[in-house]
């Protein structure tokens, strides 16, 4: 009897942690919908590499509205991430089953 009770507590705690994680991700998505990050991981890595040769190196960037980005560039990014994107609904179920 106590084993079932303990199992129930563990399952509920796991579900609560999962739900909290999902809420956190949702909040991040909302946040980045309104505020652009000051830098990205790629930018930070590039800056570290540049600063090996020049400790005073800096990166300059300017955010561009999504509508101002070329359709060709948008498609190229999608194609580079998923060459089969056009042929499925956004999820490759065969790959998930593996």
PDB file of N, CA and C in Angstrom:
ATOM      1  N   UNK A   1       0.817  -1.193   0.000  1.00  0.00           N
ATOM      2  CA  UNK A   1       0.000   0.000   0.000  1.00  0.00           C
ATOM      3  C   UNK A   1       0.869   1.268   0.000  1.00  0.00           C
ATOM      4  N   UNK A   2       1.907   1.272   0.846  1.00  0.00           N
ATOM      5  CA  UNK A   2       2.769   2.448   0.901  1.00  0.00           C
ATOM      6  C   UNK A   2       3.576   2.604  -0.383  1.00  0.00           C
ATOM      7  N   UNK A   3       3.828   1.479  -1.077  1.00  0.00           N
ATOM      8  CA  UNK A   3       4.567   1.534  -2.338  1.00  0.00           C
ATOM      9  C   UNK A   3       3.739   2.264  -3.391  1.00  0.00           C
ATOM     10  N   UNK A   4       2.450   1.963  -3.453  1.00  0.00           N
ATOM     11  CA  UNK A   4       1.574   2.644  -4.406  1.00  0.00           C
ATOM     12  C   UNK A   4       1.488   4.137  -4.100  1.00  0.00           C
ATOM     13  N   UNK A   5       1.446   4.453  -2.831  1.00  0.00           N
ATOM     14  CA  UNK A   5       1.376   5.856  -2.427  1.00  0.00           C
ATOM     15  C   UNK A   5       2.664   6.589  -2.829  1.00  0.00           C
ATOM     16  N   UNK A   6       3.797   5.946  -2.590  1.00  0.00           N
ATOM     17  CA  UNK A   6       5.081   6.527  -2.970  1.00  0.00           C
ATOM     18  C   UNK A   6       5.176   6.681  -4.488  1.00  0.00           C
ATOM     19  N   UNK A   7       4.722   5.669  -5.216  1.00  0.00           N
ATOM     20  CA  UNK A   7       4.729   5.731  -6.678  1.00  0.00           C
ATOM     21  C   UNK A   7       3.867   6.888  -7.170  1.00  0.00           C
ATOM     22  N   UNK A   8       2.721   7.065  -6.555  1.00  0.00           N
ATOM     23  CA  UNK A   8       1.822   8.157  -6.931  1.00  0.00           C
ATOM     24  C   UNK A   8       2.496   9.507  -6.691  1.00  0.00           C
ATOM     25  N   UNK A   9       3.182   9.648  -5.567  1.00  0.00           N
ATOM     26  CA  UNK A   9       3.875  10.901  -5.252  1.00  0.00           C
ATOM     27  C   UNK A   9       4.988  11.164  -6.263  1.00  0.00           C
ATOM     28  N   UNK A  10       5.737  10.123  -6.604  1.00  0.00           N
ATOM     29  CA  UNK A  10       6.836  10.271  -7.566  1.00  0.00           C
ATOM     30  C   UNK A  10       6.297  10.660  -8.939  1.00  0.00           C
ATOM     31  N   UNK A  11       5.222  10.011  -9.364  1.00  0.00           N
ATOM     32  CA  UNK A  11       4.628  10.318 -10.670  1.00  0.00           C
ATOM     33  C   UNK A  11       4.091  11.746 -10.685  1.00  0.00           C
ATOM     34  N   UNK A  12       3.403  12.145  -9.630  1.00  0.00           N
ATOM     35  CA  UNK A  12       2.871  13.506  -9.564  1.00  0.00           C
ATOM     36  C   UNK A  12       3.994  14.541  -9.529  1.00  0.00           C
ATOM     37  N   UNK A  13       5.057  14.254  -8.791  1.00  0.00           N
ATOM     38  CA  UNK A  13       6.196  15.176  -8.743  1.00  0.00           C
ATOM     39  C   UNK A  13       6.850  15.288 -10.118  1.00  0.00           C
ATOM     40  N   UNK A  14       6.993  14.163 -10.802  1.00  0.00           N
ATOM     41  CA  UNK A  14       7.564  14.187 -12.149  1.00  0.00           C
ATOM     42  C   UNK A  14       6.695  14.975 -13.113  1.00  0.00           C
ATOM     43  N   UNK A  15       5.379  14.773 -13.023  1.00  0.00           N
ATOM     44  CA  UNK A  15       4.456  15.512 -13.887  1.00  0.00           C
ATOM     45  C   UNK A  15       4.515  17.006 -13.584  1.00  0.00           C
ATOM     46  N   UNK A  16       4.621  17.353 -12.303  1.00  0.00           N
ATOM     47  CA  UNK A  16       4.705  18.763 -11.921  1.00  0.00           C
ATOM     48  C   UNK A  16       5.992  19.394 -12.447  1.00  0.00           C
ATOM     49  N   UNK A  17       7.107  18.685 -12.346  1.00  0.00           N
ATOM     50  CA  UNK A  17       8.373  19.200 -12.870  1.00  0.00           C
ATOM     51  C   UNK A  17       8.322  19.373 -14.384  1.00  0.00           C
ATOM     52  N   UNK A  18       7.729  18.405 -15.062  1.00  0.00           N
ATOM     53  CA  UNK A  18       7.589  18.496 -16.512  1.00  0.00           C
ATOM     54  C   UNK A  18       6.722  19.694 -16.890  1.00  0.00           C
ATOM     55  N   UNK A  19       5.607  19.879 -16.183  1.00  0.00           N
ATOM     56  CA  UNK A  19       4.716  21.008 -16.458  1.00  0.00           C
ATOM     57  C   UNK A  19       5.433  22.331 -16.206  1.00  0.00           C
ATOM     58  N   UNK A  20       6.202  22.403 -15.137  1.00  0.00           N
ATOM     59  CA  UNK A  20       6.953  23.614 -14.824  1.00  0.00           C
ATOM     60  C   UNK A  20       7.987  23.908 -15.913  1.00  0.00           C
ATOM     61  N   UNK A  21       8.643  22.873 -16.395  1.00  0.00           N
ATOM     62  CA  UNK A  21       9.608  23.022 -17.485  1.00  0.00           C
ATOM     63  C   UNK A  21       8.919  23.562 -18.739  1.00  0.00           C
ATOM     64  N   UNK A  22       7.757  23.019 -19.066  1.00  0.00           N
ATOM     65  CA  UNK A  22       7.016  23.466 -20.243  1.00  0.00           C
ATOM     66  C   UNK A  22       6.582  24.922 -20.108  1.00  0.00           C
ATOM     67  N   UNK A  23       6.134  25.305 -18.924  1.00  0.00           N
ATOM     68  CA  UNK A  23       5.739  26.696 -18.686  1.00  0.00           C
ATOM     69  C   UNK A  23       6.952  27.609 -18.869  1.00  0.00           C
ATOM     70  N   UNK A  24       8.099  27.183 -18.368  1.00  0.00           N
ATOM     71  CA  UNK A  24       9.320  27.970 -18.541  1.00  0.00           C
ATOM     72  C   UNK A  24       9.680  28.158 -20.006  1.00  0.00           C
ATOM     73  N   UNK A  25       9.571  27.096 -20.789  1.00  0.00           N
ATOM     74  CA  UNK A  25       9.845  27.208 -22.226  1.00  0.00           C
ATOM     75  C   UNK A  25       8.859  28.148 -22.906  1.00  0.00           C
ATOM     76  N   UNK A  26       7.594  28.050 -22.522  1.00  0.00           N
ATOM     77  CA  UNK A  26       6.561  28.914 -23.094  1.00  0.00           C
ATOM     78  C   UNK A  26       6.866  30.381 -22.791  1.00  0.00           C
ATOM     79  N   UNK A  27       7.281  30.655 -21.559  1.00  0.00           N
ATOM     80  CA  UNK A  27       7.620  32.027 -21.176  1.00  0.00           C
ATOM     81  C   UNK A  27       8.811  32.534 -21.990  1.00  0.00           C
ATOM     82  N   UNK A  28       9.812  31.681 -22.203  1.00  0.00           N
ATOM     83  CA  UNK A  28      10.962  32.082 -23.025  1.00  0.00           C
ATOM     84  C   UNK A  28      10.544  32.409 -24.457  1.00  0.00           C
ATOM     85  N   UNK A  29       9.665  31.585 -25.022  1.00  0.00           N
ATOM     86  CA  UNK A  29       9.193  31.837 -26.387  1.00  0.00           C
ATOM     87  C   UNK A  29       8.465  33.174 -26.441  1.00  0.00           C
ATOM     88  N   UNK A  30       7.601  33.425 -25.461  1.00  0.00           N
ATOM     89  CA  UNK A  30       6.902  34.712 -25.422  1.00  0.00           C
ATOM     90  C   UNK A  30       7.887  35.868 -25.279  1.00  0.00           C
ATOM     91  N   UNK A  31       8.854  35.719 -24.389  1.00  0.00           N
ATOM     92  CA  UNK A  31       9.842  36.773 -24.145  1.00  0.00           C
ATOM     93  C   UNK A  31      10.580  37.134 -25.428  1.00  0.00           C
ATOM     94  N   UNK A  32      11.105  36.122 -26.116  1.00  0.00           N
ATOM     95  CA  UNK A  32      11.876  36.394 -27.322  1.00  0.00           C
ATOM     96  C   UNK A  32      11.002  36.846 -28.484  1.00  0.00           C
ATOM     97  N   UNK A  33       9.699  36.741 -28.350  1.00  0.00           N
ATOM     98  CA  UNK A  33       8.802  37.310 -29.349  1.00  0.00           C
ATOM     99  C   UNK A  33       8.764  38.827 -29.276  1.00  0.00           C
ATOM    100  N   UNK A  34       9.104  39.380 -28.109  1.00  0.00           N
ATOM    101  CA  UNK A  34       9.055  40.824 -27.909  1.00  0.00           C
ATOM    102  C   UNK A  34      10.432  41.468 -27.745  1.00  0.00           C
ATOM    103  N   UNK A  35      11.412  40.693 -27.269  1.00  0.00           N
ATOM    104  CA  UNK A  35      12.737  41.242 -26.987  1.00  0.00           C
ATOM    105  C   UNK A  35      13.805  40.412 -27.695  1.00  0.00           C
ATOM    106  N   UNK A  36      14.655  41.100 -28.450  1.00  0.00           N
ATOM    107  CA  UNK A  36      15.761  40.415 -29.119  1.00  0.00           C
ATOM    108  C   UNK A  36      16.899  40.205 -28.128  1.00  0.00           C
ATOM    109  N   UNK A  37      17.547  39.048 -28.180  1.00  0.00           N
ATOM    110  CA  UNK A  37      18.686  38.825 -27.280  1.00  0.00           C
ATOM    111  C   UNK A  37      19.837  39.758 -27.656  1.00  0.00           C
ATOM    112  N   UNK A  38      20.636  40.124 -26.676  1.00  0.00           N
ATOM    113  CA  UNK A  38      21.766  41.016 -26.954  1.00  0.00           C
ATOM    114  C   UNK A  38      22.848  40.305 -27.758  1.00  0.00           C
ATOM    115  N   UNK A  39      22.925  38.982 -27.621  1.00  0.00           N
ATOM    116  CA  UNK A  39      23.869  38.194 -28.411  1.00  0.00           C
ATOM    117  C   UNK A  39      23.386  36.745 -28.435  1.00  0.00           C
ATOM    118  N   UNK A  40      23.994  35.979 -29.324  1.00  0.00           N
ATOM    119  CA  UNK A  40      23.668  34.557 -29.417  1.00  0.00           C
ATOM    120  C   UNK A  40      24.905  33.744 -29.049  1.00  0.00           C
ATOM    121  N   UNK A  41      24.736  32.460 -28.887  1.00  0.00           N
ATOM    122  CA  UNK A  41      25.871  31.589 -28.562  1.00  0.00           C
ATOM    123  C   UNK A  41      26.924  31.636 -29.666  1.00  0.00           C
ATOM    124  N   UNK A  42      26.487  31.684 -30.910  1.00  0.00           N
ATOM    125  CA  UNK A  42      27.432  31.747 -32.033  1.00  0.00           C
ATOM    126  C   UNK A  42      28.206  33.062 -31.989  1.00  0.00           C
ATOM    127  N   UNK A  43      27.504  34.155 -31.697  1.00  0.00           N
ATOM    128  CA  UNK A  43      28.176  35.454 -31.610  1.00  0.00           C
ATOM    129  C   UNK A  43      29.198  35.467 -30.476  1.00  0.00           C
ATOM    130  N   UNK A  44      28.848  34.902 -29.344  1.00  0.00           N
ATOM    131  CA  UNK A  44      29.761  34.870 -28.203  1.00  0.00           C
ATOM    132  C   UNK A  44      30.999  34.029 -28.513  1.00  0.00           C
ATOM    133  N   UNK A  45      30.806  32.894 -29.182  1.00  0.00           N
ATOM    134  CA  UNK A  45      31.938  32.049 -29.560  1.00  0.00           C
ATOM    135  C   UNK A  45      32.840  32.765 -30.558  1.00  0.00           C
ATOM    136  N   UNK A  46      32.237  33.429 -31.534  1.00  0.00           N
ATOM    137  CA  UNK A  46      33.013  34.177 -32.522  1.00  0.00           C
ATOM    138  C   UNK A  46      33.825  35.274 -31.848  1.00  0.00           C
ATOM    139  N   UNK A  47      33.207  35.966 -30.898  1.00  0.00           N
ATOM    140  CA  UNK A  47      33.915  37.030 -30.191  1.00  0.00           C
ATOM    141  C   UNK A  47      35.089  36.476 -29.385  1.00  0.00           C
ATOM    142  N   UNK A  48      34.896  35.331 -28.743  1.00  0.00           N
ATOM    143  CA  UNK A  48      36.010  34.709 -28.007  1.00  0.00           C
ATOM    144  C   UNK A  48      37.171  34.393 -28.947  1.00  0.00           C
ATOM    145  N   UNK A  49      36.850  33.863 -30.127  1.00  0.00           N
ATOM    146  CA  UNK A  49      37.900  33.533 -31.094  1.00  0.00           C
ATOM    147  C   UNK A  49      38.613  34.789 -31.590  1.00  0.00           C
ATOM    148  N   UNK A  50      37.852  35.843 -31.852  1.00  0.00           N
ATOM    149  CA  UNK A  50      38.461  37.092 -32.311  1.00  0.00           C
ATOM    150  C   UNK A  50      39.353  37.705 -31.240  1.00  0.00           C
ATOM    151  N   UNK A  51      38.947  37.572 -29.994  1.00  0.00           N
ATOM    152  CA  UNK A  51      39.701  38.189 -28.896  1.00  0.00           C
ATOM    153  C   UNK A  51      40.998  37.454 -28.574  1.00  0.00           C
ATOM    154  N   UNK A  52      41.178  36.276 -29.112  1.00  0.00           N
ATOM    155  CA  UNK A  52      42.474  35.603 -28.946  1.00  0.00           C
ATOM    156  C   UNK A  52      43.578  36.412 -29.625  1.00  0.00           C
ATOM    157  N   UNK A  53      43.256  36.945 -30.803  1.00  0.00           N
ATOM    158  CA  UNK A  53      44.229  37.743 -31.554  1.00  0.00           C
ATOM    159  C   UNK A  53      44.170  39.221 -31.181  1.00  0.00           C
ATOM    160  N   UNK A  54      42.976  39.702 -30.867  1.00  0.00           N
ATOM    161  CA  UNK A  54      42.782  41.121 -30.557  1.00  0.00           C
ATOM    162  C   UNK A  54      41.867  41.233 -29.337  1.00  0.00           C
ATOM    163  N   UNK A  55      42.440  41.423 -28.152  1.00  0.00           N
ATOM    164  CA  UNK A  55      41.634  41.468 -26.925  1.00  0.00           C
ATOM    165  C   UNK A  55      40.566  42.560 -26.914  1.00  0.00           C
ATOM    166  N   UNK A  56      40.692  43.542 -27.791  1.00  0.00           N
ATOM    167  CA  UNK A  56      39.714  44.630 -27.825  1.00  0.00           C
ATOM    168  C   UNK A  56      38.667  44.441 -28.922  1.00  0.00           C
ATOM    169  N   UNK A  57      38.654  43.300 -29.570  1.00  0.00           N
ATOM    170  CA  UNK A  57      37.706  43.048 -30.660  1.00  0.00           C
ATOM    171  C   UNK A  57      36.270  43.131 -30.147  1.00  0.00           C
ATOM    172  N   UNK A  58      35.398  43.621 -31.013  1.00  0.00           N
ATOM    173  CA  UNK A  58      33.975  43.711 -30.690  1.00  0.00           C
ATOM    174  C   UNK A  58      33.166  43.306 -31.907  1.00  0.00           C
ATOM    175  N   UNK A  59      31.976  42.807 -31.650  1.00  0.00           N
ATOM    176  CA  UNK A  59      31.049  42.488 -32.736  1.00  0.00           C
ATOM    177  C   UNK A  59      29.997  43.583 -32.810  1.00  0.00           C
ATOM    178  N   UNK A  60      29.627  43.913 -34.025  1.00  0.00           N
ATOM    179  CA  UNK A  60      28.526  44.860 -34.221  1.00  0.00           C
ATOM    180  C   UNK A  60      27.445  44.141 -35.011  1.00  0.00           C
ATOM    181  N   UNK A  61      26.219  44.306 -34.583  1.00  0.00           N
ATOM    182  CA  UNK A  61      25.106  43.696 -35.306  1.00  0.00           C
ATOM    183  C   UNK A  61      23.886  44.598 -35.215  1.00  0.00           C
ATOM    184  N   UNK A  62      22.979  44.387 -36.140  1.00  0.00           N
ATOM    185  CA  UNK A  62      21.741  45.158 -36.142  1.00  0.00           C
ATOM    186  C   UNK A  62      20.604  44.194 -36.462  1.00  0.00           C
ATOM    187  N   UNK A  63      19.607  44.150 -35.592  1.00  0.00           N
ATOM    188  CA  UNK A  63      18.467  43.280 -35.822  1.00  0.00           C
ATOM    189  C   UNK A  63      17.649  43.807 -36.984  1.00  0.00           C
ATOM    190  N   UNK A  64      17.124  42.895 -37.776  1.00  0.00           N
ATOM    191  CA  UNK A  64      16.307  43.230 -38.937  1.00  0.00           C
ATOM    192  C   UNK A  64      14.944  42.589 -38.746  1.00  0.00           C
ATOM    193  N   UNK A  65      13.897  43.317 -39.103  1.00  0.00           N
ATOM    194  CA  UNK A  65      12.541  42.775 -39.000  1.00  0.00           C
ATOM    195  C   UNK A  65      12.405  41.555 -39.910  1.00  0.00           C
ATOM    196  N   UNK A  66      11.637  40.586 -39.472  1.00  0.00           N
ATOM    197  CA  UNK A  66      11.465  39.344 -40.228  1.00  0.00           C
ATOM    198  C   UNK A  66      10.990  39.625 -41.653  1.00  0.00           C
ATOM    199  N   UNK A  67      10.112  40.593 -41.811  1.00  0.00           N
ATOM    200  CA  UNK A  67       9.579  40.920 -43.138  1.00  0.00           C
ATOM    201  C   UNK A  67      10.652  41.458 -44.079  1.00  0.00           C
ATOM    202  N   UNK A  68      11.748  41.960 -43.532  1.00  0.00           N
ATOM    203  CA  UNK A  68      12.817  42.513 -44.359  1.00  0.00           C
ATOM    204  C   UNK A  68      13.830  41.458 -44.796  1.00  0.00           C
ATOM    205  N   UNK A  69      13.691  40.251 -44.278  1.00  0.00           N
ATOM    206  CA  UNK A  69      14.611  39.176 -44.650  1.00  0.00           C
ATOM    207  C   UNK A  69      14.131  38.545 -45.952  1.00  0.00           C
ATOM    208  N   UNK A  70      15.040  38.335 -46.867  1.00  0.00           N
ATOM    209  CA  UNK A  70      14.712  37.761 -48.167  1.00  0.00           C
ATOM    210  C   UNK A  70      14.037  36.395 -48.022  1.00  0.00           C
ATOM    211  N   UNK A  71      13.015  36.157 -48.808  1.00  0.00           N
ATOM    212  CA  UNK A  71      12.338  34.862 -48.821  1.00  0.00           C
ATOM    213  C   UNK A  71      13.322  33.755 -49.183  1.00  0.00           C
ATOM    214  N   UNK A  72      14.253  34.055 -50.075  1.00  0.00           N
ATOM    215  CA  UNK A  72      15.252  33.060 -50.473  1.00  0.00           C
ATOM    216  C   UNK A  72      16.130  32.656 -49.289  1.00  0.00           C
ATOM    217  N   UNK A  73      16.507  33.623 -48.465  1.00  0.00           N
ATOM    218  CA  UNK A  73      17.319  33.307 -47.289  1.00  0.00           C
ATOM    219  C   UNK A  73      16.523  32.466 -46.294  1.00  0.00           C
ATOM    220  N   UNK A  74      15.266  32.808 -46.086  1.00  0.00           N
ATOM    221  CA  UNK A  74      14.419  32.032 -45.168  1.00  0.00           C
ATOM    222  C   UNK A  74      14.322  30.581 -45.631  1.00  0.00           C
ATOM    223  N   UNK A  75      14.101  30.400 -46.920  1.00  0.00           N
ATOM    224  CA  UNK A  75      13.995  29.037 -47.460  1.00  0.00           C
ATOM    225  C   UNK A  75      15.324  28.295 -47.381  1.00  0.00           C
ATOM    226  N   UNK A  76      16.413  29.012 -47.592  1.00  0.00           N
ATOM    227  CA  UNK A  76      17.735  28.381 -47.511  1.00  0.00           C
ATOM    228  C   UNK A  76      18.014  27.890 -46.091  1.00  0.00           C
ATOM    229  N   UNK A  77      17.600  28.664 -45.102  1.00  0.00           N
ATOM    230  CA  UNK A  77      17.803  28.246 -43.712  1.00  0.00           C
ATOM    231  C   UNK A  77      16.994  26.995 -43.417  1.00  0.00           C
ATOM    232  N   UNK A  78      15.732  26.973 -43.856  1.00  0.00           N
ATOM    233  CA  UNK A  78      14.893  25.789 -43.645  1.00  0.00           C
ATOM    234  C   UNK A  78      15.495  24.586 -44.356  1.00  0.00           C
ATOM    235  N   UNK A  79      15.942  24.780 -45.587  1.00  0.00           N
ATOM    236  CA  UNK A  79      16.519  23.673 -46.354  1.00  0.00           C
ATOM    237  C   UNK A  79      17.787  23.145 -45.698  1.00  0.00           C
ATOM    238  N   UNK A  80      18.573  24.029 -45.123  1.00  0.00           N
ATOM    239  CA  UNK A  80      19.809  23.568 -44.489  1.00  0.00           C
ATOM    240  C   UNK A  80      19.522  22.806 -43.203  1.00  0.00           C
ATOM    241  N   UNK A  81      18.441  23.137 -42.540  1.00  0.00           N
ATOM    242  CA  UNK A  81      18.070  22.445 -41.311  1.00  0.00           C
ATOM    243  C   UNK A  81      17.384  21.113 -41.604  1.00  0.00           C
ATOM    244  N   UNK A  82      16.565  21.087 -42.636  1.00  0.00           N
ATOM    245  CA  UNK A  82      15.760  19.905 -42.925  1.00  0.00           C
ATOM    246  C   UNK A  82      15.488  19.843 -44.422  1.00  0.00           C
ATOM    247  N   UNK A  83      16.291  19.091 -45.141  1.00  0.00           N
ATOM    248  CA  UNK A  83      16.147  19.036 -46.592  1.00  0.00           C
ATOM    249  C   UNK A  83      14.841  18.399 -47.035  1.00  0.00           C
ATOM    250  N   UNK A  84      14.149  17.709 -46.139  1.00  0.00           N
ATOM    251  CA  UNK A  84      12.890  17.049 -46.480  1.00  0.00           C
ATOM    252  C   UNK A  84      11.684  17.819 -45.944  1.00  0.00           C
ATOM    253  N   UNK A  85      11.882  19.060 -45.531  1.00  0.00           N
ATOM    254  CA  UNK A  85      10.830  19.834 -44.878  1.00  0.00           C
ATOM    255  C   UNK A  85       9.580  19.982 -45.745  1.00  0.00           C
ATOM    256  N   UNK A  86       9.768  20.181 -47.024  1.00  0.00           N
ATOM    257  CA  UNK A  86       8.638  20.398 -47.927  1.00  0.00           C
ATOM    258  C   UNK A  86       7.733  19.169 -47.995  1.00  0.00           C
ATOM    259  N   UNK A  87       8.272  17.980 -47.735  1.00  0.00           N
ATOM    260  CA  UNK A  87       7.522  16.739 -47.912  1.00  0.00           C
ATOM    261  C   UNK A  87       6.842  16.219 -46.651  1.00  0.00           C
ATOM    262  N   UNK A  88       6.927  16.937 -45.550  1.00  0.00           N
ATOM    263  CA  UNK A  88       6.233  16.486 -44.339  1.00  0.00           C
ATOM    264  C   UNK A  88       5.594  17.677 -43.642  1.00  0.00           C
ATOM    265  N   UNK A  89       4.821  17.409 -42.618  1.00  0.00           N
ATOM    266  CA  UNK A  89       4.047  18.457 -41.947  1.00  0.00           C
ATOM    267  C   UNK A  89       4.812  19.130 -40.816  1.00  0.00           C
ATOM    268  N   UNK A  90       6.107  19.072 -40.833  1.00  0.00           N
ATOM    269  CA  UNK A  90       6.893  19.705 -39.787  1.00  0.00           C
ATOM    270  C   UNK A  90       7.553  18.721 -38.845  1.00  0.00           C
ATOM    271  N   UNK A  91       7.104  17.467 -38.874  1.00  0.00           N
ATOM    272  CA  UNK A  91       7.665  16.432 -38.005  1.00  0.00           C
ATOM    273  C   UNK A  91       7.939  15.202 -38.859  1.00  0.00           C
ATOM    274  N   UNK A  92       9.135  14.672 -38.763  1.00  0.00           N
ATOM    275  CA  UNK A  92       9.459  13.436 -39.474  1.00  0.00           C
ATOM    276  C   UNK A  92       9.244  12.269 -38.520  1.00  0.00           C
ATOM    277  N   UNK A  93       8.059  11.676 -38.596  1.00  0.00           N
ATOM    278  CA  UNK A  93       7.662  10.630 -37.652  1.00  0.00           C
ATOM    279  C   UNK A  93       8.559   9.402 -37.748  1.00  0.00           C
ATOM    280  N   UNK A  94       9.071   9.091 -38.949  1.00  0.00           N
ATOM    281  CA  UNK A  94       9.958   7.937 -39.093  1.00  0.00           C
ATOM    282  C   UNK A  94      11.225   8.131 -38.265  1.00  0.00           C
ATOM    283  N   UNK A  95      11.752   9.346 -38.257  1.00  0.00           N
ATOM    284  CA  UNK A  95      12.970   9.616 -37.494  1.00  0.00           C
ATOM    285  C   UNK A  95      12.712   9.596 -35.996  1.00  0.00           C
ATOM    286  N   UNK A  96      11.536   9.998 -35.588  1.00  0.00           N
ATOM    287  CA  UNK A  96      11.199   9.984 -34.163  1.00  0.00           C
ATOM    288  C   UNK A  96      11.087   8.548 -33.661  1.00  0.00           C
ATOM    289  N   UNK A  97      10.583   7.648 -34.505  1.00  0.00           N
ATOM    290  CA  UNK A  97      10.419   6.242 -34.103  1.00  0.00           C
ATOM    291  C   UNK A  97      11.750   5.535 -33.891  1.00  0.00           C
ATOM    292  N   UNK A  98      12.826   6.042 -34.494  1.00  0.00           N
ATOM    293  CA  UNK A  98      14.137   5.380 -34.391  1.00  0.00           C
ATOM    294  C   UNK A  98      14.675   5.410 -33.014  1.00  0.00           C
TER     295      UNK A  98
END
